[in-house]
Amino acid sequence: MKTWMLVAMACCVTTQIAAAEESTLAKIKASQSITLGVRDSSIPLSYTGGDGQPIGFQMDICKQIVSAIRTQLGLPKLDVKYQTVNSQNRVVLVQNGTVDLECGSTTNNQARARDVAFSVTTYIEEDRMAVRADSGIRNLRDLSGKTVVATTGTTAIQHLRQHERAAGLNWTDLYGKDHADSFLMLESGRADAWVLDQGVLRATIAISRNPAAYTVTGEPFNTEPIAIMFRKDDPDFKKVVDGTIRKMDASGEMKTLWSKWFVQPIPPRGIRMNMEPPEALVKLWAQPNDLPMESYAAR
């Protein structure tokens, strides 16, 4: 092989390694821009508002993080870009650098932590099921012989099958491409139950054409810590992200955001979630941590 080809190959490899090792803060400073991964229907965490812009509880947290990053880097302006993600592609888009902060509804678990990093927990959710109010389904045992839908890329079905009260039950699995598709399967009668975080279930029902036709029911079958996701092995970036969230916890700002998105009317239709913060989340506001879901199951 000719010398010039060897040199070219070496330069290419060096460039790839350098790009892979570039810190997120350095990337942001060089481009003077940051890309946030957002969801379009994870109400009230991350969704599209009436003007087409991303809004929600997690989005407000990410805006505070962006402000802290801009201040730390000394940038007079930081261009914020948005990339819509879904349950299937969110991890990959963080890994490959397309997204710098994923501001959606992603559970911090050990499997994902092999590929990405998580902030301290911002939200605690319990998995439950949404059903039609006249279905007669009220607990996990009632799922026997039924059809259960989950959103592709979420973990609810796996945890449902692992729950002791579901032992020996047989049902048919369906998977929606996103939360809206999963609810459509419930609404159309293709599925008898939709399993997911109860916050998303309640919000989706609240904005449906006939909210009274559905209910969230049954015992919780899993507790999941939701967090902001970003690239692995970047301690300086994690320090900024976690530091911002910890300050919001300590100042009471996180409690204020909870009221804004889970108690007060939210756009675009002024629905109310009327949800109190889970006890585990209140404890986290006092003592933040980034423990994965498996740690909660062990407690």
C-alpha atoms as a PDB file:
ATOM      1  CA  MET A   1       0.000   0.000   0.000  1.00  0.00           C
ATOM      2  CA  LYS A   2       1.354   3.430  -0.903  1.00  0.00           C
ATOM      3  CA  THR A   3       2.648   5.729   1.823  1.00  0.00           C
ATOM      4  CA  TRP A   4       0.149   8.511   1.027  1.00  0.00           C
ATOM      5  CA  MET A   5      -2.718   6.046   1.466  1.00  0.00           C
ATOM      6  CA  LEU A   6      -1.391   4.971   4.861  1.00  0.00           C
ATOM      7  CA  VAL A   7      -1.089   8.591   5.946  1.00  0.00           C
ATOM      8  CA  ALA A   8      -4.627   9.362   4.762  1.00  0.00           C
ATOM      9  CA  MET A   9      -6.035   6.367   6.616  1.00  0.00           C
ATOM     10  CA  ALA A  10      -4.166   7.335   9.779  1.00  0.00           C
ATOM     11  CA  CYS A  11      -5.494  10.872   9.596  1.00  0.00           C
ATOM     12  CA  CYS A  12      -9.031   9.594   9.093  1.00  0.00           C
ATOM     13  CA  VAL A  13      -8.798   7.307  12.131  1.00  0.00           C
ATOM     14  CA  THR A  14      -7.286  10.106  14.232  1.00  0.00           C
ATOM     15  CA  THR A  15     -10.106  12.448  13.234  1.00  0.00           C
ATOM     16  CA  GLN A  16     -12.749   9.847  14.121  1.00  0.00           C
ATOM     17  CA  ILE A  17     -11.160   9.221  17.526  1.00  0.00           C
ATOM     18  CA  ALA A  18     -10.914  12.944  18.237  1.00  0.00           C
ATOM     19  CA  ALA A  19     -14.571  13.436  17.295  1.00  0.00           C
ATOM     20  CA  ALA A  20     -15.608  10.543  19.506  1.00  0.00           C
ATOM     21  CA  GLU A  21     -13.635  11.938  22.437  1.00  0.00           C
ATOM     22  CA  GLU A  22     -14.797  15.553  22.041  1.00  0.00           C
ATOM     23  CA  SER A  23     -16.698  16.621  25.118  1.00  0.00           C
ATOM     24  CA  THR A  24     -20.268  17.793  24.778  1.00  0.00           C
ATOM     25  CA  LEU A  25     -19.385  21.206  26.207  1.00  0.00           C
ATOM     26  CA  ALA A  26     -16.606  21.595  23.620  1.00  0.00           C
ATOM     27  CA  LYS A  27     -19.001  20.565  20.840  1.00  0.00           C
ATOM     28  CA  ILE A  28     -21.589  23.083  22.020  1.00  0.00           C
ATOM     29  CA  LYS A  29     -19.054  25.879  22.365  1.00  0.00           C
ATOM     30  CA  ALA A  30     -17.611  25.263  18.899  1.00  0.00           C
ATOM     31  CA  SER A  31     -21.031  25.248  17.213  1.00  0.00           C
ATOM     32  CA  GLN A  32     -22.658  27.744  19.608  1.00  0.00           C
ATOM     33  CA  SER A  33     -25.698  25.509  19.430  1.00  0.00           C
ATOM     34  CA  ILE A  34     -27.291  22.684  21.392  1.00  0.00           C
ATOM     35  CA  THR A  35     -29.792  20.095  20.204  1.00  0.00           C
ATOM     36  CA  LEU A  36     -32.557  18.923  22.517  1.00  0.00           C
ATOM     37  CA  GLY A  37     -34.339  15.630  21.931  1.00  0.00           C
ATOM     38  CA  VAL A  38     -38.082  16.175  22.401  1.00  0.00           C
ATOM     39  CA  ARG A  39     -41.229  14.089  22.263  1.00  0.00           C
ATOM     40  CA  ASP A  40     -44.401  15.101  20.478  1.00  0.00           C
ATOM     41  CA  SER A  41     -46.992  13.385  22.674  1.00  0.00           C
ATOM     42  CA  SER A  42     -45.518  12.611  26.134  1.00  0.00           C
ATOM     43  CA  ILE A  43     -47.891  14.929  27.979  1.00  0.00           C
ATOM     44  CA  PRO A  44     -47.107  16.668  30.309  1.00  0.00           C
ATOM     45  CA  LEU A  45     -43.388  15.838  30.268  1.00  0.00           C
ATOM     46  CA  SER A  46     -42.478  16.686  26.668  1.00  0.00           C
ATOM     47  CA  TYR A  47     -44.977  17.391  23.910  1.00  0.00           C
ATOM     48  CA  THR A  48     -45.959  19.782  21.152  1.00  0.00           C
ATOM     49  CA  GLY A  49     -48.004  22.809  22.177  1.00  0.00           C
ATOM     50  CA  GLY A  50     -50.613  24.680  20.206  1.00  0.00           C
ATOM     51  CA  ASP A  51     -47.976  26.720  18.377  1.00  0.00           C
ATOM     52  CA  GLY A  52     -46.027  23.611  17.361  1.00  0.00           C
ATOM     53  CA  GLN A  53     -43.214  24.294  19.825  1.00  0.00           C
ATOM     54  CA  PRO A  54     -42.048  21.664  22.380  1.00  0.00           C
ATOM     55  CA  ILE A  55     -43.248  22.277  25.924  1.00  0.00           C
ATOM     56  CA  GLY A  56     -43.626  20.348  29.178  1.00  0.00           C
ATOM     57  CA  PHE A  57     -42.195  19.601  32.616  1.00  0.00           C
ATOM     58  CA  GLN A  58     -38.981  18.078  31.254  1.00  0.00           C
ATOM     59  CA  MET A  59     -38.646  20.841  28.676  1.00  0.00           C
ATOM     60  CA  ASP A  60     -38.685  23.503  31.399  1.00  0.00           C
ATOM     61  CA  ILE A  61     -35.923  21.633  33.221  1.00  0.00           C
ATOM     62  CA  CYS A  62     -33.866  21.398  30.037  1.00  0.00           C
ATOM     63  CA  LYS A  63     -34.268  25.127  29.426  1.00  0.00           C
ATOM     64  CA  GLN A  64     -32.692  25.777  32.822  1.00  0.00           C
ATOM     65  CA  ILE A  65     -29.834  23.411  31.934  1.00  0.00           C
ATOM     66  CA  VAL A  66     -29.307  25.200  28.615  1.00  0.00           C
ATOM     67  CA  SER A  67     -29.137  28.529  30.454  1.00  0.00           C
ATOM     68  CA  ALA A  68     -26.530  27.120  32.856  1.00  0.00           C
ATOM     69  CA  ILE A  69     -24.461  25.787  29.940  1.00  0.00           C
ATOM     70  CA  ARG A  70     -24.558  29.127  28.140  1.00  0.00           C
ATOM     71  CA  THR A  71     -23.409  30.911  31.304  1.00  0.00           C
ATOM     72  CA  GLN A  72     -20.599  28.438  31.980  1.00  0.00           C
ATOM     73  CA  LEU A  73     -19.302  28.668  28.407  1.00  0.00           C
ATOM     74  CA  GLY A  74     -19.561  32.450  28.404  1.00  0.00           C
ATOM     75  CA  LEU A  75     -21.631  32.516  25.250  1.00  0.00           C
ATOM     76  CA  PRO A  76     -23.690  35.657  24.578  1.00  0.00           C
ATOM     77  CA  LYS A  77     -26.127  33.484  22.658  1.00  0.00           C
ATOM     78  CA  LEU A  78     -26.767  29.759  22.387  1.00  0.00           C
ATOM     79  CA  ASP A  79     -28.863  28.493  19.488  1.00  0.00           C
ATOM     80  CA  VAL A  80     -31.326  25.845  20.680  1.00  0.00           C
ATOM     81  CA  LYS A  81     -32.369  23.249  18.110  1.00  0.00           C
ATOM     82  CA  TYR A  82     -35.014  20.565  18.515  1.00  0.00           C
ATOM     83  CA  GLN A  83     -34.975  16.989  17.284  1.00  0.00           C
ATOM     84  CA  THR A  84     -38.132  14.908  17.680  1.00  0.00           C
ATOM     85  CA  VAL A  85     -37.294  11.470  19.089  1.00  0.00           C
ATOM     86  CA  ASN A  86     -39.335   8.375  19.837  1.00  0.00           C
ATOM     87  CA  SER A  87     -38.963   5.275  21.985  1.00  0.00           C
ATOM     88  CA  GLN A  88     -37.092   3.400  19.255  1.00  0.00           C
ATOM     89  CA  ASN A  89     -34.461   5.960  18.249  1.00  0.00           C
ATOM     90  CA  ARG A  90     -33.848   8.146  21.309  1.00  0.00           C
ATOM     91  CA  VAL A  91     -30.836   6.225  22.645  1.00  0.00           C
ATOM     92  CA  VAL A  92     -29.150   5.991  19.236  1.00  0.00           C
ATOM     93  CA  LEU A  93     -29.607   9.697  18.539  1.00  0.00           C
ATOM     94  CA  VAL A  94     -27.929  10.539  21.839  1.00  0.00           C
ATOM     95  CA  GLN A  95     -25.117   8.047  21.224  1.00  0.00           C
ATOM     96  CA  ASN A  96     -24.278   9.340  17.753  1.00  0.00           C
ATOM     97  CA  GLY A  97     -24.279  12.995  18.790  1.00  0.00           C
ATOM     98  CA  THR A  98     -27.425  14.087  16.969  1.00  0.00           C
ATOM     99  CA  VAL A  99     -29.019  14.965  20.322  1.00  0.00           C
ATOM    100  CA  ASP A 100     -27.116  16.588  23.214  1.00  0.00           C
ATOM    101  CA  LEU A 101     -29.885  16.472  25.828  1.00  0.00           C
ATOM    102  CA  GLU A 102     -32.862  14.139  25.588  1.00  0.00           C
ATOM    103  CA  CYS A 103     -35.727  15.920  27.315  1.00  0.00           C
ATOM    104  CA  GLY A 104     -38.451  13.310  27.057  1.00  0.00           C
ATOM    105  CA  SER A 105     -39.833  10.552  29.247  1.00  0.00           C
ATOM    106  CA  THR A 106     -36.953   8.072  29.392  1.00  0.00           C
ATOM    107  CA  THR A 107     -36.503   5.639  32.267  1.00  0.00           C
ATOM    108  CA  ASN A 108     -33.041   5.367  33.785  1.00  0.00           C
ATOM    109  CA  ASN A 109     -32.296   1.633  33.801  1.00  0.00           C
ATOM    110  CA  GLN A 110     -29.179  -0.502  33.811  1.00  0.00           C
ATOM    111  CA  ALA A 111     -29.564  -1.669  30.216  1.00  0.00           C
ATOM    112  CA  ARG A 112     -29.708   1.881  28.822  1.00  0.00           C
ATOM    113  CA  ALA A 113     -26.907   3.004  31.152  1.00  0.00           C
ATOM    114  CA  ARG A 114     -24.546   0.771  29.196  1.00  0.00           C
ATOM    115  CA  ASP A 115     -25.020   3.086  26.204  1.00  0.00           C
ATOM    116  CA  VAL A 116     -25.900   6.520  27.617  1.00  0.00           C
ATOM    117  CA  ALA A 117     -25.726   8.573  30.810  1.00  0.00           C
ATOM    118  CA  PHE A 118     -28.539   9.962  32.955  1.00  0.00           C
ATOM    119  CA  SER A 119     -28.981  12.998  35.142  1.00  0.00           C
ATOM    120  CA  VAL A 120     -30.216  12.802  38.692  1.00  0.00           C
ATOM    121  CA  THR A 121     -33.868  11.769  38.625  1.00  0.00           C
ATOM    122  CA  THR A 122     -36.363  14.463  37.652  1.00  0.00           C
ATOM    123  CA  TYR A 123     -39.614  12.492  37.834  1.00  0.00           C
ATOM    124  CA  ILE A 124     -40.858   9.267  39.427  1.00  0.00           C
ATOM    125  CA  GLU A 125     -43.537   7.311  37.644  1.00  0.00           C
ATOM    126  CA  GLU A 126     -45.591   4.236  38.395  1.00  0.00           C
ATOM    127  CA  ASP A 127     -46.643   1.897  35.611  1.00  0.00           C
ATOM    128  CA  ARG A 128     -50.395   1.252  35.495  1.00  0.00           C
ATOM    129  CA  MET A 129     -52.960   0.432  32.834  1.00  0.00           C
ATOM    130  CA  ALA A 130     -55.550   2.492  30.991  1.00  0.00           C
ATOM    131  CA  VAL A 131     -58.781   0.741  30.019  1.00  0.00           C
ATOM    132  CA  ARG A 132     -62.221   1.635  28.761  1.00  0.00           C
ATOM    133  CA  ALA A 133     -64.372   2.523  31.743  1.00  0.00           C
ATOM    134  CA  ASP A 134     -67.013  -0.051  30.817  1.00  0.00           C
ATOM    135  CA  SER A 135     -64.499  -2.871  30.223  1.00  0.00           C
ATOM    136  CA  GLY A 136     -64.808  -4.442  33.667  1.00  0.00           C
ATOM    137  CA  ILE A 137     -60.997  -4.535  33.935  1.00  0.00           C
ATOM    138  CA  ARG A 138     -59.945  -3.263  37.357  1.00  0.00           C
ATOM    139  CA  ASN A 139     -56.801  -5.197  38.308  1.00  0.00           C
ATOM    140  CA  LEU A 140     -54.014  -7.249  36.778  1.00  0.00           C
ATOM    141  CA  ARG A 141     -55.880 -10.529  37.142  1.00  0.00           C
ATOM    142  CA  ASP A 142     -58.579  -9.171  34.824  1.00  0.00           C
ATOM    143  CA  LEU A 143     -56.070  -9.081  31.946  1.00  0.00           C
ATOM    144  CA  SER A 144     -56.244 -12.838  31.456  1.00  0.00           C
ATOM    145  CA  GLY A 145     -57.288 -13.568  27.870  1.00  0.00           C
ATOM    146  CA  LYS A 146     -57.216  -9.887  26.913  1.00  0.00           C
ATOM    147  CA  THR A 147     -55.096  -7.861  24.476  1.00  0.00           C
ATOM    148  CA  VAL A 148     -52.570  -5.449  25.981  1.00  0.00           C
ATOM    149  CA  VAL A 149     -50.833  -2.680  24.027  1.00  0.00           C
ATOM    150  CA  ALA A 150     -47.553  -0.960  24.902  1.00  0.00           C
ATOM    151  CA  THR A 151     -45.562   1.658  23.028  1.00  0.00           C
ATOM    152  CA  THR A 152     -42.591   0.208  21.155  1.00  0.00           C
ATOM    153  CA  GLY A 153     -39.341   0.822  23.028  1.00  0.00           C
ATOM    154  CA  THR A 154     -40.970   1.220  26.445  1.00  0.00           C
ATOM    155  CA  THR A 155     -40.512  -1.215  29.324  1.00  0.00           C
ATOM    156  CA  ALA A 156     -44.046  -1.594  30.700  1.00  0.00           C
ATOM    157  CA  ILE A 157     -44.895  -4.975  29.133  1.00  0.00           C
ATOM    158  CA  GLN A 158     -41.724  -6.571  30.477  1.00  0.00           C
ATOM    159  CA  HIS A 159     -42.430  -5.357  33.996  1.00  0.00           C
ATOM    160  CA  LEU A 160     -46.055  -6.391  33.793  1.00  0.00           C
ATOM    161  CA  ARG A 161     -45.005  -9.937  32.938  1.00  0.00           C
ATOM    162  CA  GLN A 162     -42.518  -9.962  35.816  1.00  0.00           C
ATOM    163  CA  HIS A 163     -45.020  -8.803  38.427  1.00  0.00           C
ATOM    164  CA  GLU A 164     -46.074 -11.495  40.858  1.00  0.00           C
ATOM    165  CA  ARG A 165     -49.778 -10.706  40.449  1.00  0.00           C
ATOM    166  CA  ALA A 166     -49.506 -11.365  36.714  1.00  0.00           C
ATOM    167  CA  ALA A 167     -47.983 -14.803  37.212  1.00  0.00           C
ATOM    168  CA  GLY A 168     -49.771 -17.449  35.157  1.00  0.00           C
ATOM    169  CA  LEU A 169     -51.803 -14.932  33.165  1.00  0.00           C
ATOM    170  CA  ASN A 170     -51.959 -15.132  29.383  1.00  0.00           C
ATOM    171  CA  TRP A 171     -52.733 -12.150  27.194  1.00  0.00           C
ATOM    172  CA  THR A 172     -51.888 -10.990  23.669  1.00  0.00           C
ATOM    173  CA  ASP A 173     -49.251  -8.270  23.174  1.00  0.00           C
ATOM    174  CA  LEU A 174     -49.614  -5.395  20.719  1.00  0.00           C
ATOM    175  CA  TYR A 175     -47.165  -2.542  20.168  1.00  0.00           C
ATOM    176  CA  GLY A 176     -47.953   1.005  19.079  1.00  0.00           C
ATOM    177  CA  LYS A 177     -45.335   2.995  17.183  1.00  0.00           C
ATOM    178  CA  ASP A 178     -45.778   5.889  19.645  1.00  0.00           C
ATOM    179  CA  HIS A 179     -48.082   6.857  22.514  1.00  0.00           C
ATOM    180  CA  ALA A 180     -50.732   8.281  20.197  1.00  0.00           C
ATOM    181  CA  ASP A 181     -50.808   5.038  18.228  1.00  0.00           C
ATOM    182  CA  SER A 182     -51.084   2.969  21.410  1.00  0.00           C
ATOM    183  CA  PHE A 183     -54.057   5.009  22.610  1.00  0.00           C
ATOM    184  CA  LEU A 184     -55.710   4.668  19.191  1.00  0.00           C
ATOM    185  CA  MET A 185     -55.565   0.875  19.617  1.00  0.00           C
ATOM    186  CA  LEU A 186     -57.330   1.197  22.974  1.00  0.00           C
ATOM    187  CA  GLU A 187     -59.818   3.724  21.603  1.00  0.00           C
ATOM    188  CA  SER A 188     -60.662   1.587  18.566  1.00  0.00           C
ATOM    189  CA  GLY A 189     -61.108  -1.598  20.606  1.00  0.00           C
ATOM    190  CA  ARG A 190     -58.091  -3.401  19.134  1.00  0.00           C
ATOM    191  CA  ALA A 191     -56.600  -3.480  22.650  1.00  0.00           C
ATOM    192  CA  ASP A 192     -58.307  -3.963  26.010  1.00  0.00           C
ATOM    193  CA  ALA A 193     -55.605  -2.225  28.052  1.00  0.00           C
ATOM    194  CA  TRP A 194     -52.690   0.149  27.467  1.00  0.00           C
ATOM    195  CA  VAL A 195     -49.802  -0.122  29.913  1.00  0.00           C
ATOM    196  CA  LEU A 196     -47.413   2.786  30.542  1.00  0.00           C
ATOM    197  CA  ASP A 197     -46.453   5.501  33.028  1.00  0.00           C
ATOM    198  CA  GLN A 198     -49.656   6.636  34.666  1.00  0.00           C
ATOM    199  CA  GLY A 199     -48.853  10.312  34.045  1.00  0.00           C
ATOM    200  CA  VAL A 200     -48.774   9.824  30.293  1.00  0.00           C
ATOM    201  CA  LEU A 201     -51.875   7.620  30.457  1.00  0.00           C
ATOM    202  CA  ARG A 202     -53.855  10.240  32.401  1.00  0.00           C
ATOM    203  CA  ALA A 203     -52.718  13.083  30.159  1.00  0.00           C
ATOM    204  CA  THR A 204     -53.575  11.223  26.965  1.00  0.00           C
ATOM    205  CA  ILE A 205     -57.035  10.376  28.286  1.00  0.00           C
ATOM    206  CA  ALA A 206     -57.594  13.992  29.380  1.00  0.00           C
ATOM    207  CA  ILE A 207     -57.099  15.313  25.839  1.00  0.00           C
ATOM    208  CA  SER A 208     -59.047  12.542  24.121  1.00  0.00           C
ATOM    209  CA  ARG A 209     -62.448  13.075  22.518  1.00  0.00           C
ATOM    210  CA  ASN A 210     -64.269  11.433  25.424  1.00  0.00           C
ATOM    211  CA  PRO A 211     -62.168  11.363  28.630  1.00  0.00           C
ATOM    212  CA  ALA A 212     -65.025   9.883  30.675  1.00  0.00           C
ATOM    213  CA  ALA A 213     -64.864   6.729  28.533  1.00  0.00           C
ATOM    214  CA  TYR A 214     -61.487   5.696  29.977  1.00  0.00           C
ATOM    215  CA  THR A 215     -59.894   5.167  33.358  1.00  0.00           C
ATOM    216  CA  VAL A 216     -56.467   4.431  34.810  1.00  0.00           C
ATOM    217  CA  THR A 217     -56.760   1.493  37.137  1.00  0.00           C
ATOM    218  CA  GLY A 218     -55.054  -1.463  38.779  1.00  0.00           C
ATOM    219  CA  GLU A 219     -52.200  -1.783  41.203  1.00  0.00           C
ATOM    220  CA  PRO A 220     -48.836  -0.258  40.185  1.00  0.00           C
ATOM    221  CA  PHE A 221     -46.614  -2.941  38.726  1.00  0.00           C
ATOM    222  CA  ASN A 222     -43.398  -0.951  38.464  1.00  0.00           C
ATOM    223  CA  THR A 223     -41.712   2.227  39.697  1.00  0.00           C
ATOM    224  CA  GLU A 224     -39.554   4.069  37.184  1.00  0.00           C
ATOM    225  CA  PRO A 225     -37.148   6.990  37.668  1.00  0.00           C
ATOM    226  CA  ILE A 226     -37.310   9.353  34.684  1.00  0.00           C
ATOM    227  CA  ALA A 227     -34.250  11.466  33.899  1.00  0.00           C
ATOM    228  CA  ILE A 228     -32.530  13.621  31.305  1.00  0.00           C
ATOM    229  CA  MET A 229     -30.376  11.511  28.969  1.00  0.00           C
ATOM    230  CA  PHE A 230     -27.013  12.457  27.412  1.00  0.00           C
ATOM    231  CA  ARG A 231     -23.777  10.861  26.187  1.00  0.00           C
ATOM    232  CA  LYS A 232     -21.696   8.597  28.402  1.00  0.00           C
ATOM    233  CA  ASP A 233     -18.270   9.283  29.871  1.00  0.00           C
ATOM    234  CA  ASP A 234     -18.624  13.059  29.955  1.00  0.00           C
ATOM    235  CA  PRO A 235     -18.247  14.028  33.633  1.00  0.00           C
ATOM    236  CA  ASP A 236     -17.980  17.779  32.993  1.00  0.00           C
ATOM    237  CA  PHE A 237     -21.271  17.822  31.136  1.00  0.00           C
ATOM    238  CA  LYS A 238     -22.973  15.662  33.771  1.00  0.00           C
ATOM    239  CA  LYS A 239     -21.732  18.062  36.442  1.00  0.00           C
ATOM    240  CA  VAL A 240     -23.516  20.982  34.772  1.00  0.00           C
ATOM    241  CA  VAL A 241     -26.706  18.998  34.171  1.00  0.00           C
ATOM    242  CA  ASP A 242     -26.887  17.530  37.678  1.00  0.00           C
ATOM    243  CA  GLY A 243     -25.851  20.791  39.325  1.00  0.00           C
ATOM    244  CA  THR A 244     -28.712  22.633  37.638  1.00  0.00           C
ATOM    245  CA  ILE A 245     -31.280  20.050  38.707  1.00  0.00           C
ATOM    246  CA  ARG A 246     -29.969  19.926  42.271  1.00  0.00           C
ATOM    247  CA  LYS A 247     -30.313  23.712  42.537  1.00  0.00           C
ATOM    248  CA  MET A 248     -33.891  23.496  41.271  1.00  0.00           C
ATOM    249  CA  ASP A 249     -34.641  20.792  43.849  1.00  0.00           C
ATOM    250  CA  ALA A 250     -33.114  22.785  46.706  1.00  0.00           C
ATOM    251  CA  SER A 251     -34.749  26.102  45.811  1.00  0.00           C
ATOM    252  CA  GLY A 252     -38.247  24.654  45.528  1.00  0.00           C
ATOM    253  CA  GLU A 253     -38.379  25.443  41.819  1.00  0.00           C
ATOM    254  CA  MET A 254     -38.993  21.797  40.995  1.00  0.00           C
ATOM    255  CA  LYS A 255     -42.054  21.789  43.259  1.00  0.00           C
ATOM    256  CA  THR A 256     -43.283  24.921  41.476  1.00  0.00           C
ATOM    257  CA  LEU A 257     -42.831  23.219  38.102  1.00  0.00           C
ATOM    258  CA  TRP A 258     -44.801  20.226  39.386  1.00  0.00           C
ATOM    259  CA  SER A 259     -47.731  22.484  40.213  1.00  0.00           C
ATOM    260  CA  LYS A 260     -47.463  24.163  36.803  1.00  0.00           C
ATOM    261  CA  TRP A 261     -47.629  20.916  34.829  1.00  0.00           C
ATOM    262  CA  PHE A 262     -49.431  18.399  37.067  1.00  0.00           C
ATOM    263  CA  VAL A 263     -51.926  20.521  39.020  1.00  0.00           C
ATOM    264  CA  GLN A 264     -52.716  23.699  37.065  1.00  0.00           C
ATOM    265  CA  PRO A 265     -54.392  23.770  33.628  1.00  0.00           C
ATOM    266  CA  ILE A 266     -51.874  23.039  30.864  1.00  0.00           C
ATOM    267  CA  PRO A 267     -51.864  24.005  27.186  1.00  0.00           C
ATOM    268  CA  PRO A 268     -53.124  23.720  24.602  1.00  0.00           C
ATOM    269  CA  ARG A 269     -56.580  22.790  25.936  1.00  0.00           C
ATOM    270  CA  GLY A 270     -56.332  23.753  29.582  1.00  0.00           C
ATOM    271  CA  ILE A 271     -56.650  20.207  30.907  1.00  0.00           C
ATOM    272  CA  ARG A 272     -55.724  19.405  34.506  1.00  0.00           C
ATOM    273  CA  MET A 273     -53.711  16.371  35.539  1.00  0.00           C
ATOM    274  CA  ASN A 274     -54.675  16.841  39.214  1.00  0.00           C
ATOM    275  CA  MET A 275     -51.749  14.671  40.306  1.00  0.00           C
ATOM    276  CA  GLU A 276     -49.870  14.899  43.578  1.00  0.00           C
ATOM    277  CA  PRO A 277     -46.128  14.171  43.400  1.00  0.00           C
ATOM    278  CA  PRO A 278     -45.280  10.570  44.360  1.00  0.00           C
ATOM    279  CA  GLU A 279     -43.774  10.198  47.814  1.00  0.00           C
ATOM    280  CA  ALA A 280     -40.560   8.841  46.288  1.00  0.00           C
ATOM    281  CA  LEU A 281     -40.186  12.010  44.202  1.00  0.00           C
ATOM    282  CA  VAL A 282     -40.692  14.296  47.191  1.00  0.00           C
ATOM    283  CA  LYS A 283     -37.861  12.417  48.920  1.00  0.00           C
ATOM    284  CA  LEU A 284     -35.684  12.898  45.840  1.00  0.00           C
ATOM    285  CA  TRP A 285     -36.233  16.643  45.913  1.00  0.00           C
ATOM    286  CA  ALA A 286     -34.599  16.573  49.345  1.00  0.00           C
ATOM    287  CA  GLN A 287     -31.892  14.044  48.444  1.00  0.00           C
ATOM    288  CA  PRO A 288     -31.353  13.809  44.662  1.00  0.00           C
ATOM    289  CA  ASN A 289     -29.723  10.728  43.146  1.00  0.00           C
ATOM    290  CA  ASP A 290     -29.288   9.051  39.772  1.00  0.00           C
ATOM    291  CA  LEU A 291     -30.088   5.492  40.833  1.00  0.00           C
ATOM    292  CA  PRO A 292     -31.496   3.267  38.070  1.00  0.00           C
ATOM    293  CA  MET A 293     -34.887   1.595  38.099  1.00  0.00           C
ATOM    294  CA  GLU A 294     -33.470  -1.683  39.375  1.00  0.00           C
ATOM    295  CA  SER A 295     -32.452   0.032  42.625  1.00  0.00           C
ATOM    296  CA  TYR A 296     -36.077   0.929  43.311  1.00  0.00           C
ATOM    297  CA  ALA A 297     -37.200  -2.645  42.708  1.00  0.00           C
ATOM    298  CA  ALA A 298     -34.649  -3.830  45.265  1.00  0.00           C
ATOM    299  CA  ARG A 299     -35.946  -1.561  48.020  1.00  0.00           C
END
